């Protein structure tokens, strides 16, 4: 019973954190801290659309992405 309790308590223990907060791929992108940038890829831009680091262009593309996603979800709900 003790082993069972210890095992279930370990499931709720905080996950160990790394000393390093960014990877090399995240540090290479000017948008590494934006929402959606995830380890291990960081900000994934395979076509290099935002490689120039233009924040205005990035924000416009993010708005368009969200609008298309919402329109698609609304369209699926009406079918």
N, C-alpha and C. Protein backbone atom coordinates (compact mmCIF):
# COMPACT_ATOMS: atom_id res chain seq x y z
N UNK A 1 0.83 -1.19 0.00
CA UNK A 1 0.00 0.00 0.00
C UNK A 1 0.87 1.25 0.00
N UNK A 2 1.98 1.22 0.70
CA UNK A 2 2.87 2.38 0.75
C UNK A 2 3.43 2.69 -0.64
N UNK A 3 3.81 1.67 -1.38
CA UNK A 3 4.34 1.88 -2.73
C UNK A 3 3.27 2.47 -3.64
N UNK A 4 2.03 2.05 -3.47
CA UNK A 4 0.93 2.57 -4.27
C UNK A 4 0.71 4.05 -3.98
N UNK A 5 0.74 4.43 -2.72
CA UNK A 5 0.57 5.83 -2.34
C UNK A 5 1.73 6.68 -2.84
N UNK A 6 2.95 6.17 -2.74
CA UNK A 6 4.12 6.92 -3.21
C UNK A 6 4.07 7.11 -4.72
N UNK A 7 3.62 6.09 -5.42
CA UNK A 7 3.53 6.20 -6.88
C UNK A 7 2.48 7.20 -7.31
N UNK A 8 1.34 7.22 -6.63
CA UNK A 8 0.29 8.17 -6.99
C UNK A 8 0.69 9.59 -6.61
N UNK A 9 1.44 9.76 -5.55
CA UNK A 9 1.91 11.09 -5.16
C UNK A 9 2.93 11.62 -6.16
N UNK A 10 3.74 10.73 -6.72
CA UNK A 10 4.74 11.15 -7.69
C UNK A 10 4.09 11.65 -8.98
N UNK A 11 2.89 11.20 -9.27
CA UNK A 11 2.20 11.65 -10.48
C UNK A 11 1.84 13.13 -10.40
N UNK A 12 1.71 13.67 -9.20
CA UNK A 12 1.34 15.07 -9.04
C UNK A 12 2.51 15.96 -8.68
N UNK A 13 3.71 15.41 -8.68
CA UNK A 13 4.90 16.20 -8.39
C UNK A 13 5.22 17.09 -9.58
N UNK A 14 5.77 18.27 -9.37
CA UNK A 14 6.10 19.15 -10.50
C UNK A 14 7.18 18.52 -11.37
N UNK A 15 7.09 18.77 -12.66
CA UNK A 15 8.08 18.23 -13.59
C UNK A 15 9.39 18.97 -13.43
N UNK A 16 10.50 18.26 -13.58
CA UNK A 16 11.80 18.94 -13.46
C UNK A 16 11.97 19.94 -14.61
N UNK A 17 12.58 21.07 -14.29
CA UNK A 17 12.79 22.09 -15.31
C UNK A 17 14.26 22.13 -15.69
N UNK A 18 14.49 22.58 -16.89
CA UNK A 18 15.85 22.67 -17.40
C UNK A 18 16.49 24.00 -16.99
N UNK A 19 17.82 24.02 -16.91
CA UNK A 19 18.52 25.26 -16.62
C UNK A 19 18.44 26.22 -17.79
N UNK A 20 18.28 25.68 -18.99
CA UNK A 20 18.26 26.50 -20.19
C UNK A 20 16.82 26.69 -20.65
N UNK A 21 16.43 27.94 -20.88
CA UNK A 21 15.03 28.21 -21.22
C UNK A 21 14.77 28.23 -22.72
N UNK A 22 15.81 28.33 -23.55
CA UNK A 22 15.61 28.35 -24.99
C UNK A 22 16.54 27.36 -25.65
N UNK A 23 16.13 26.90 -26.82
CA UNK A 23 17.00 26.04 -27.62
C UNK A 23 17.67 26.90 -28.68
N UNK A 24 18.60 26.34 -29.41
CA UNK A 24 19.28 27.08 -30.46
C UNK A 24 18.30 27.50 -31.54
N UNK A 25 17.32 26.65 -31.83
CA UNK A 25 16.34 27.00 -32.86
C UNK A 25 15.44 28.13 -32.40
N UNK A 26 15.10 28.16 -31.14
CA UNK A 26 14.26 29.25 -30.65
C UNK A 26 15.03 30.56 -30.65
N UNK A 27 16.27 30.54 -30.29
CA UNK A 27 17.06 31.76 -30.22
C UNK A 27 17.30 32.35 -31.61
N UNK A 28 17.26 31.53 -32.65
CA UNK A 28 17.54 32.00 -33.99
C UNK A 28 16.37 32.80 -34.58
N UNK A 29 15.19 32.69 -34.03
CA UNK A 29 14.01 33.34 -34.57
C UNK A 29 13.65 34.58 -33.76
N UNK A 30 13.28 35.67 -34.46
CA UNK A 30 12.84 36.86 -33.71
C UNK A 30 11.48 36.67 -33.05
N UNK A 31 10.75 35.62 -33.43
CA UNK A 31 9.42 35.37 -32.89
C UNK A 31 9.41 34.15 -31.97
N UNK A 32 10.52 33.83 -31.37
CA UNK A 32 10.63 32.64 -30.52
C UNK A 32 9.77 32.73 -29.27
N UNK A 33 9.45 33.93 -28.83
CA UNK A 33 8.65 34.07 -27.61
C UNK A 33 7.17 34.25 -27.88
N UNK A 34 6.74 34.17 -29.14
CA UNK A 34 5.33 34.33 -29.48
C UNK A 34 4.53 33.09 -29.10
N UNK A 35 3.23 33.26 -28.94
CA UNK A 35 2.34 32.14 -28.64
C UNK A 35 2.38 31.18 -29.82
N UNK A 36 2.52 29.92 -29.54
CA UNK A 36 2.58 28.90 -30.59
C UNK A 36 3.98 28.38 -30.85
N UNK A 37 4.99 29.08 -30.40
CA UNK A 37 6.36 28.59 -30.53
C UNK A 37 6.57 27.51 -29.48
N UNK A 38 6.89 26.29 -29.93
CA UNK A 38 7.00 25.17 -29.01
C UNK A 38 8.34 24.46 -29.16
N UNK A 39 8.80 23.90 -28.07
CA UNK A 39 10.00 23.09 -28.07
C UNK A 39 9.69 21.80 -28.80
N UNK A 40 10.52 21.23 -29.60
CA UNK A 40 11.90 21.59 -29.90
C UNK A 40 12.04 22.49 -31.12
N UNK A 41 10.97 22.77 -31.84
CA UNK A 41 11.11 23.55 -33.08
C UNK A 41 11.17 25.05 -32.86
N UNK A 42 10.62 25.54 -31.78
CA UNK A 42 10.55 26.97 -31.59
C UNK A 42 9.51 27.54 -32.53
N UNK A 43 9.77 28.70 -33.11
CA UNK A 43 8.86 29.28 -34.08
C UNK A 43 9.16 28.63 -35.42
N UNK A 44 8.23 27.86 -35.94
CA UNK A 44 8.45 27.07 -37.15
C UNK A 44 7.97 27.85 -38.36
N UNK A 45 8.88 28.24 -39.22
CA UNK A 45 8.57 28.99 -40.43
C UNK A 45 9.34 28.36 -41.59
N UNK A 46 8.84 27.22 -42.12
CA UNK A 46 9.61 26.49 -43.12
C UNK A 46 9.79 27.24 -44.43
N UNK A 47 8.89 28.15 -44.78
CA UNK A 47 9.00 28.90 -46.03
C UNK A 47 9.75 30.21 -45.86
N UNK A 48 10.07 30.57 -44.64
CA UNK A 48 10.82 31.80 -44.39
C UNK A 48 10.00 33.05 -44.62
N UNK A 49 8.68 32.97 -44.46
CA UNK A 49 7.81 34.11 -44.72
C UNK A 49 8.09 35.26 -43.76
N UNK A 50 8.41 34.95 -42.52
CA UNK A 50 8.68 35.99 -41.53
C UNK A 50 10.15 36.04 -41.13
N UNK A 51 11.02 35.58 -42.02
CA UNK A 51 12.45 35.53 -41.69
C UNK A 51 13.06 36.92 -41.52
N UNK A 52 12.45 37.93 -42.11
CA UNK A 52 13.01 39.28 -42.00
C UNK A 52 12.75 39.93 -40.64
N UNK A 53 11.85 39.31 -39.83
CA UNK A 53 11.60 39.82 -38.49
C UNK A 53 10.63 40.99 -38.44
N UNK A 54 9.88 41.21 -39.51
CA UNK A 54 8.91 42.31 -39.58
C UNK A 54 7.71 41.99 -38.69
N UNK A 55 7.58 42.67 -37.57
CA UNK A 55 6.52 42.40 -36.59
C UNK A 55 5.14 42.72 -37.17
N UNK A 56 5.04 43.76 -37.98
CA UNK A 56 3.75 44.14 -38.58
C UNK A 56 3.24 43.03 -39.52
N UNK A 57 4.12 42.49 -40.34
CA UNK A 57 3.75 41.40 -41.24
C UNK A 57 3.36 40.16 -40.44
N UNK A 58 4.11 39.87 -39.39
CA UNK A 58 3.81 38.72 -38.54
C UNK A 58 2.42 38.85 -37.91
N UNK A 59 2.12 40.04 -37.39
CA UNK A 59 0.82 40.26 -36.76
C UNK A 59 -0.32 40.13 -37.77
N UNK A 60 -0.13 40.61 -39.00
CA UNK A 60 -1.15 40.50 -40.03
C UNK A 60 -1.39 39.03 -40.38
N UNK A 61 -0.30 38.28 -40.54
CA UNK A 61 -0.45 36.85 -40.85
C UNK A 61 -1.12 36.09 -39.71
N UNK A 62 -0.83 36.47 -38.48
CA UNK A 62 -1.46 35.84 -37.32
C UNK A 62 -2.95 36.12 -37.31
N UNK A 63 -3.35 37.38 -37.62
CA UNK A 63 -4.77 37.73 -37.69
C UNK A 63 -5.49 36.91 -38.76
N UNK A 64 -4.87 36.79 -39.93
CA UNK A 64 -5.47 36.04 -41.03
C UNK A 64 -5.60 34.57 -40.65
N UNK A 65 -4.60 34.03 -39.98
CA UNK A 65 -4.64 32.63 -39.55
C UNK A 65 -5.81 32.39 -38.60
N UNK A 66 -6.00 33.27 -37.65
CA UNK A 66 -7.08 33.13 -36.67
C UNK A 66 -8.44 33.28 -37.36
N UNK A 67 -8.55 34.24 -38.28
CA UNK A 67 -9.81 34.45 -38.98
C UNK A 67 -10.19 33.22 -39.80
N UNK A 68 -9.25 32.66 -40.54
CA UNK A 68 -9.52 31.48 -41.35
C UNK A 68 -9.90 30.30 -40.46
N UNK A 69 -9.20 30.15 -39.34
CA UNK A 69 -9.52 29.06 -38.42
C UNK A 69 -10.94 29.20 -37.88
N UNK A 70 -11.33 30.42 -37.49
CA UNK A 70 -12.67 30.64 -36.95
C UNK A 70 -13.75 30.43 -38.02
N UNK A 71 -13.49 30.90 -39.24
CA UNK A 71 -14.45 30.71 -40.33
C UNK A 71 -14.61 29.23 -40.65
N UNK A 72 -13.53 28.50 -40.61
CA UNK A 72 -13.59 27.06 -40.88
C UNK A 72 -14.37 26.34 -39.79
N UNK A 73 -14.14 26.71 -38.55
CA UNK A 73 -14.87 26.08 -37.44
C UNK A 73 -16.37 26.40 -37.55
N UNK A 74 -16.70 27.64 -37.90
CA UNK A 74 -18.12 28.01 -38.05
C UNK A 74 -18.75 27.25 -39.20
N UNK A 75 -18.02 27.06 -40.29
CA UNK A 75 -18.52 26.32 -41.43
C UNK A 75 -18.76 24.86 -41.09
N UNK A 76 -17.89 24.29 -40.32
CA UNK A 76 -18.05 22.87 -39.93
C UNK A 76 -19.25 22.69 -39.01
N UNK A 77 -19.53 23.66 -38.19
CA UNK A 77 -20.65 23.57 -37.25
C UNK A 77 -22.00 23.68 -37.97
N UNK A 78 -22.01 24.35 -39.12
CA UNK A 78 -23.28 24.55 -39.81
C UNK A 78 -23.64 23.38 -40.73
N UNK A 79 -22.72 22.48 -40.94
CA UNK A 79 -22.99 21.35 -41.85
C UNK A 79 -23.85 20.31 -41.19
